[in-house]
Amino acid sequence: MTLLIVAGVGYVGSKLIPVYWSYLSMQDPVKEAAMAASRPGKEAEVRTDLIARAKSVGVMLDEENVEIDRDGNFVTVRVAWEVPVDMRLYRRTLRFRIEKAAPAP
């Protein structure tokens, strides 16, 4: 019985840990994108670079998933995506959102 529980926990962990690791790996690129987007006229370049960096950590984004807003003295970058996780008997879609702001020069 104990072996079955350990195997179950290991299986669930093997499905969830990579997904959450990708989420954590996106924190710094989004923060760096906010700082880079604070320079005027860089939004398109920043969006393209962020999508490429996301792909390198296993997060599939497109331009609709990346939002760059200027509000007074701040630039905010918001990234949102969904990941379906299939655990044989149970399927769940995990939703992630990261929002980082940087002061505009």
N, C-alpha and C. Protein backbone atom coordinates (compact mmCIF):
# COMPACT_ATOMS: atom_id res chain seq x y z
N MET A 1 0.83 -1.19 0.00
CA MET A 1 0.00 0.00 0.00
C MET A 1 0.88 1.26 0.00
N THR A 2 1.90 1.27 0.86
CA THR A 2 2.79 2.43 0.94
C THR A 2 3.50 2.65 -0.39
N LEU A 3 3.91 1.56 -1.02
CA LEU A 3 4.59 1.66 -2.31
C LEU A 3 3.67 2.27 -3.37
N LEU A 4 2.40 1.92 -3.31
CA LEU A 4 1.43 2.47 -4.25
C LEU A 4 1.26 3.98 -4.05
N ILE A 5 1.22 4.42 -2.81
CA ILE A 5 1.10 5.85 -2.50
C ILE A 5 2.34 6.60 -2.98
N VAL A 6 3.51 6.05 -2.70
CA VAL A 6 4.76 6.69 -3.13
C VAL A 6 4.81 6.77 -4.66
N ALA A 7 4.38 5.71 -5.33
CA ALA A 7 4.37 5.72 -6.79
C ALA A 7 3.39 6.77 -7.32
N GLY A 8 2.24 6.88 -6.68
CA GLY A 8 1.25 7.88 -7.10
C GLY A 8 1.76 9.30 -6.93
N VAL A 9 2.38 9.57 -5.79
CA VAL A 9 2.95 10.90 -5.54
C VAL A 9 4.06 11.19 -6.55
N GLY A 10 4.87 10.20 -6.83
CA GLY A 10 5.95 10.37 -7.81
C GLY A 10 5.41 10.66 -9.20
N TYR A 11 4.34 9.97 -9.58
CA TYR A 11 3.74 10.18 -10.89
C TYR A 11 3.16 11.59 -11.01
N VAL A 12 2.40 12.00 -10.01
CA VAL A 12 1.81 13.35 -10.03
C VAL A 12 2.92 14.39 -10.04
N GLY A 13 3.95 14.19 -9.23
CA GLY A 13 5.08 15.12 -9.21
C GLY A 13 5.78 15.21 -10.56
N SER A 14 5.90 14.08 -11.24
CA SER A 14 6.57 14.09 -12.54
C SER A 14 5.76 14.85 -13.59
N LYS A 15 4.47 14.99 -13.38
CA LYS A 15 3.62 15.76 -14.30
C LYS A 15 3.58 17.24 -13.95
N LEU A 16 3.60 17.56 -12.65
CA LEU A 16 3.42 18.94 -12.21
C LEU A 16 4.72 19.73 -12.06
N ILE A 17 5.77 19.10 -11.60
CA ILE A 17 7.02 19.83 -11.33
C ILE A 17 7.56 20.53 -12.58
N PRO A 18 7.63 19.89 -13.75
CA PRO A 18 8.13 20.61 -14.92
C PRO A 18 7.29 21.83 -15.30
N VAL A 19 5.98 21.73 -15.12
CA VAL A 19 5.09 22.84 -15.46
C VAL A 19 5.35 24.03 -14.54
N TYR A 20 5.44 23.76 -13.24
CA TYR A 20 5.69 24.85 -12.29
C TYR A 20 7.13 25.37 -12.41
N TRP A 21 8.06 24.51 -12.77
CA TRP A 21 9.44 24.95 -12.98
C TRP A 21 9.51 25.94 -14.15
N SER A 22 8.75 25.67 -15.20
CA SER A 22 8.69 26.59 -16.33
C SER A 22 8.12 27.94 -15.91
N TYR A 23 7.09 27.90 -15.06
CA TYR A 23 6.50 29.14 -14.54
C TYR A 23 7.56 29.94 -13.77
N LEU A 24 8.28 29.27 -12.90
CA LEU A 24 9.32 29.97 -12.13
C LEU A 24 10.44 30.47 -13.04
N SER A 25 10.75 29.73 -14.08
CA SER A 25 11.80 30.13 -15.01
C SER A 25 11.42 31.34 -15.84
N MET A 26 10.15 31.68 -15.90
CA MET A 26 9.68 32.84 -16.67
C MET A 26 9.71 34.13 -15.87
N GLN A 27 9.90 34.06 -14.56
CA GLN A 27 9.86 35.26 -13.73
C GLN A 27 10.91 36.29 -14.16
N ASP A 28 12.16 35.87 -14.27
CA ASP A 28 13.24 36.80 -14.64
C ASP A 28 13.10 37.33 -16.06
N PRO A 29 12.80 36.49 -17.06
CA PRO A 29 12.62 37.05 -18.41
C PRO A 29 11.51 38.11 -18.49
N VAL A 30 10.43 37.93 -17.74
CA VAL A 30 9.36 38.93 -17.77
C VAL A 30 9.83 40.22 -17.11
N LYS A 31 10.57 40.09 -16.01
CA LYS A 31 11.10 41.28 -15.34
C LYS A 31 12.08 42.02 -16.26
N GLU A 32 12.95 41.28 -16.92
CA GLU A 32 13.90 41.89 -17.85
C GLU A 32 13.18 42.53 -19.04
N ALA A 33 12.09 41.91 -19.48
CA ALA A 33 11.30 42.49 -20.58
C ALA A 33 10.68 43.81 -20.16
N ALA A 34 10.21 43.89 -18.92
CA ALA A 34 9.63 45.15 -18.43
C ALA A 34 10.69 46.25 -18.41
N MET A 35 11.90 45.91 -17.98
CA MET A 35 12.97 46.91 -17.96
C MET A 35 13.35 47.33 -19.39
N ALA A 36 13.42 46.37 -20.31
CA ALA A 36 13.78 46.69 -21.69
C ALA A 36 12.67 47.48 -22.39
N ALA A 37 11.43 47.18 -22.07
CA ALA A 37 10.30 47.87 -22.71
C ALA A 37 10.13 49.29 -22.20
N SER A 38 10.84 49.63 -21.14
CA SER A 38 10.72 51.00 -20.61
C SER A 38 11.33 52.02 -21.57
N ARG A 39 12.19 51.56 -22.49
CA ARG A 39 12.74 52.46 -23.51
C ARG A 39 11.71 52.60 -24.63
N PRO A 40 11.40 53.81 -25.02
CA PRO A 40 10.37 54.04 -26.05
C PRO A 40 10.70 53.34 -27.37
N GLY A 41 9.66 52.78 -27.99
CA GLY A 41 9.81 52.16 -29.29
C GLY A 41 10.35 50.75 -29.29
N LYS A 42 10.49 50.13 -28.14
CA LYS A 42 11.08 48.80 -28.04
C LYS A 42 10.05 47.69 -27.82
N GLU A 43 8.76 48.03 -27.80
CA GLU A 43 7.74 47.05 -27.44
C GLU A 43 7.74 45.82 -28.35
N ALA A 44 7.79 46.02 -29.66
CA ALA A 44 7.74 44.90 -30.60
C ALA A 44 8.95 43.99 -30.44
N GLU A 45 10.13 44.59 -30.31
CA GLU A 45 11.36 43.81 -30.12
C GLU A 45 11.31 43.04 -28.81
N VAL A 46 10.85 43.69 -27.75
CA VAL A 46 10.77 43.04 -26.44
C VAL A 46 9.79 41.88 -26.49
N ARG A 47 8.65 42.07 -27.14
CA ARG A 47 7.65 41.00 -27.26
C ARG A 47 8.24 39.79 -27.98
N THR A 48 8.93 40.04 -29.09
CA THR A 48 9.54 38.95 -29.86
C THR A 48 10.59 38.21 -29.04
N ASP A 49 11.45 38.96 -28.34
CA ASP A 49 12.49 38.34 -27.51
C ASP A 49 11.88 37.53 -26.37
N LEU A 50 10.83 38.05 -25.75
CA LEU A 50 10.19 37.35 -24.64
C LEU A 50 9.54 36.05 -25.11
N ILE A 51 8.92 36.07 -26.27
CA ILE A 51 8.32 34.84 -26.81
C ILE A 51 9.40 33.80 -27.09
N ALA A 52 10.55 34.23 -27.60
CA ALA A 52 11.66 33.31 -27.87
C ALA A 52 12.23 32.74 -26.57
N ARG A 53 12.37 33.58 -25.55
CA ARG A 53 12.89 33.09 -24.26
C ARG A 53 11.90 32.14 -23.61
N ALA A 54 10.62 32.41 -23.76
CA ALA A 54 9.60 31.50 -23.22
C ALA A 54 9.70 30.14 -23.88
N LYS A 55 9.88 30.14 -25.18
CA LYS A 55 10.00 28.87 -25.91
C LYS A 55 11.20 28.07 -25.43
N SER A 56 12.29 28.77 -25.09
CA SER A 56 13.50 28.08 -24.64
C SER A 56 13.32 27.39 -23.28
N VAL A 57 12.34 27.83 -22.48
CA VAL A 57 12.08 27.17 -21.20
C VAL A 57 10.83 26.30 -21.26
N GLY A 58 10.29 26.10 -22.47
CA GLY A 58 9.18 25.19 -22.64
C GLY A 58 7.79 25.80 -22.51
N VAL A 59 7.71 27.13 -22.56
CA VAL A 59 6.42 27.81 -22.48
C VAL A 59 6.08 28.32 -23.88
N MET A 60 4.96 27.87 -24.41
CA MET A 60 4.55 28.27 -25.75
C MET A 60 3.65 29.50 -25.66
N LEU A 61 4.19 30.63 -26.10
CA LEU A 61 3.45 31.88 -26.11
C LEU A 61 3.29 32.37 -27.54
N ASP A 62 2.28 33.19 -27.76
CA ASP A 62 2.19 33.94 -29.00
C ASP A 62 1.96 35.40 -28.62
N GLU A 63 1.83 36.25 -29.60
CA GLU A 63 1.75 37.69 -29.31
C GLU A 63 0.53 38.05 -28.46
N GLU A 64 -0.52 37.26 -28.55
CA GLU A 64 -1.72 37.53 -27.76
C GLU A 64 -1.51 37.27 -26.27
N ASN A 65 -0.51 36.45 -25.93
CA ASN A 65 -0.23 36.13 -24.53
C ASN A 65 0.61 37.18 -23.83
N VAL A 66 1.20 38.10 -24.59
CA VAL A 66 2.11 39.10 -24.03
C VAL A 66 1.47 40.48 -24.17
N GLU A 67 1.31 41.15 -23.05
CA GLU A 67 0.71 42.49 -23.04
C GLU A 67 1.72 43.47 -22.44
N ILE A 68 1.97 44.56 -23.14
CA ILE A 68 2.89 45.60 -22.67
C ILE A 68 2.11 46.90 -22.58
N ASP A 69 2.05 47.47 -21.36
CA ASP A 69 1.30 48.71 -21.13
C ASP A 69 2.21 49.79 -20.57
N ARG A 70 2.02 51.00 -21.05
CA ARG A 70 2.67 52.19 -20.48
C ARG A 70 1.61 52.95 -19.72
N ASP A 71 1.91 53.24 -18.47
CA ASP A 71 0.97 54.00 -17.64
C ASP A 71 1.76 55.03 -16.85
N GLY A 72 1.82 56.22 -17.37
CA GLY A 72 2.55 57.28 -16.69
C GLY A 72 4.03 56.97 -16.61
N ASN A 73 4.51 56.76 -15.39
CA ASN A 73 5.93 56.54 -15.16
C ASN A 73 6.33 55.06 -15.13
N PHE A 74 5.41 54.17 -15.48
CA PHE A 74 5.72 52.74 -15.41
C PHE A 74 5.35 52.02 -16.69
N VAL A 75 6.12 50.96 -16.96
CA VAL A 75 5.81 50.03 -18.04
C VAL A 75 5.53 48.69 -17.39
N THR A 76 4.40 48.10 -17.74
CA THR A 76 4.02 46.82 -17.16
C THR A 76 3.96 45.77 -18.26
N VAL A 77 4.57 44.62 -17.99
CA VAL A 77 4.52 43.49 -18.91
C VAL A 77 3.71 42.39 -18.23
N ARG A 78 2.68 41.93 -18.92
CA ARG A 78 1.84 40.84 -18.41
C ARG A 78 1.93 39.67 -19.39
N VAL A 79 2.13 38.50 -18.84
CA VAL A 79 2.19 37.29 -19.65
C VAL A 79 1.24 36.28 -19.03
N ALA A 80 0.40 35.67 -19.84
CA ALA A 80 -0.53 34.65 -19.35
C ALA A 80 -0.55 33.48 -20.33
N TRP A 81 -0.63 32.27 -19.78
CA TRP A 81 -0.71 31.09 -20.62
C TRP A 81 -1.36 29.95 -19.84
N GLU A 82 -1.76 28.94 -20.57
CA GLU A 82 -2.39 27.76 -20.00
C GLU A 82 -1.62 26.52 -20.40
N VAL A 83 -1.58 25.54 -19.49
CA VAL A 83 -0.91 24.28 -19.77
C VAL A 83 -1.85 23.14 -19.38
N PRO A 84 -2.25 22.30 -20.33
CA PRO A 84 -3.06 21.13 -19.96
C PRO A 84 -2.16 20.06 -19.36
N VAL A 85 -2.60 19.48 -18.25
CA VAL A 85 -1.85 18.42 -17.59
C VAL A 85 -2.73 17.18 -17.57
N ASP A 86 -2.26 16.12 -18.19
CA ASP A 86 -3.03 14.88 -18.29
C ASP A 86 -2.43 13.85 -17.34
N MET A 87 -3.23 13.44 -16.34
CA MET A 87 -2.78 12.44 -15.37
C MET A 87 -3.63 11.17 -15.50
N ARG A 88 -3.73 10.67 -16.69
CA ARG A 88 -4.48 9.47 -17.06
C ARG A 88 -5.97 9.58 -16.73
N LEU A 89 -6.34 9.51 -15.49
CA LEU A 89 -7.75 9.55 -15.11
C LEU A 89 -8.27 10.96 -14.90
N TYR A 90 -7.37 11.91 -14.87
CA TYR A 90 -7.74 13.28 -14.53
C TYR A 90 -6.98 14.24 -15.43
N ARG A 91 -7.70 15.16 -16.02
CA ARG A 91 -7.05 16.17 -16.88
C ARG A 91 -7.41 17.54 -16.33
N ARG A 92 -6.39 18.37 -16.19
CA ARG A 92 -6.60 19.71 -15.64
C ARG A 92 -5.81 20.72 -16.46
N THR A 93 -6.37 21.89 -16.61
CA THR A 93 -5.66 22.97 -17.29
C THR A 93 -5.19 23.96 -16.23
N LEU A 94 -3.88 24.14 -16.15
CA LEU A 94 -3.29 25.08 -15.20
C LEU A 94 -3.12 26.42 -15.90
N ARG A 95 -3.50 27.48 -15.22
CA ARG A 95 -3.41 28.83 -15.78
C ARG A 95 -2.33 29.61 -15.02
N PHE A 96 -1.45 30.23 -15.78
CA PHE A 96 -0.36 30.99 -15.18
C PHE A 96 -0.42 32.43 -15.66
N ARG A 97 0.00 33.34 -14.78
CA ARG A 97 0.03 34.77 -15.11
C ARG A 97 1.20 35.40 -14.36
N ILE A 98 1.99 36.15 -15.07
CA ILE A 98 3.10 36.89 -14.47
C ILE A 98 2.95 38.34 -14.89
N GLU A 99 3.12 39.23 -13.93
CA GLU A 99 3.04 40.67 -14.20
C GLU A 99 4.21 41.35 -13.51
N LYS A 100 5.00 42.07 -14.29
CA LYS A 100 6.15 42.80 -13.76
C LYS A 100 6.12 44.23 -14.30
N ALA A 101 6.51 45.17 -13.45
CA ALA A 101 6.53 46.58 -13.85
C ALA A 101 7.94 47.15 -13.64
N ALA A 102 8.26 48.14 -14.45
CA ALA A 102 9.54 48.84 -14.35
C ALA A 102 9.29 50.32 -14.58
N PRO A 103 10.07 51.18 -13.92
CA PRO A 103 9.90 52.62 -14.14
C PRO A 103 10.33 53.01 -15.55
N ALA A 104 9.56 53.89 -16.14
CA ALA A 104 9.92 54.41 -17.47
C ALA A 104 10.91 55.56 -17.28
N PRO A 105 11.89 55.68 -18.18
CA PRO A 105 12.88 56.75 -18.02
C PRO A 105 12.30 58.13 -18.29
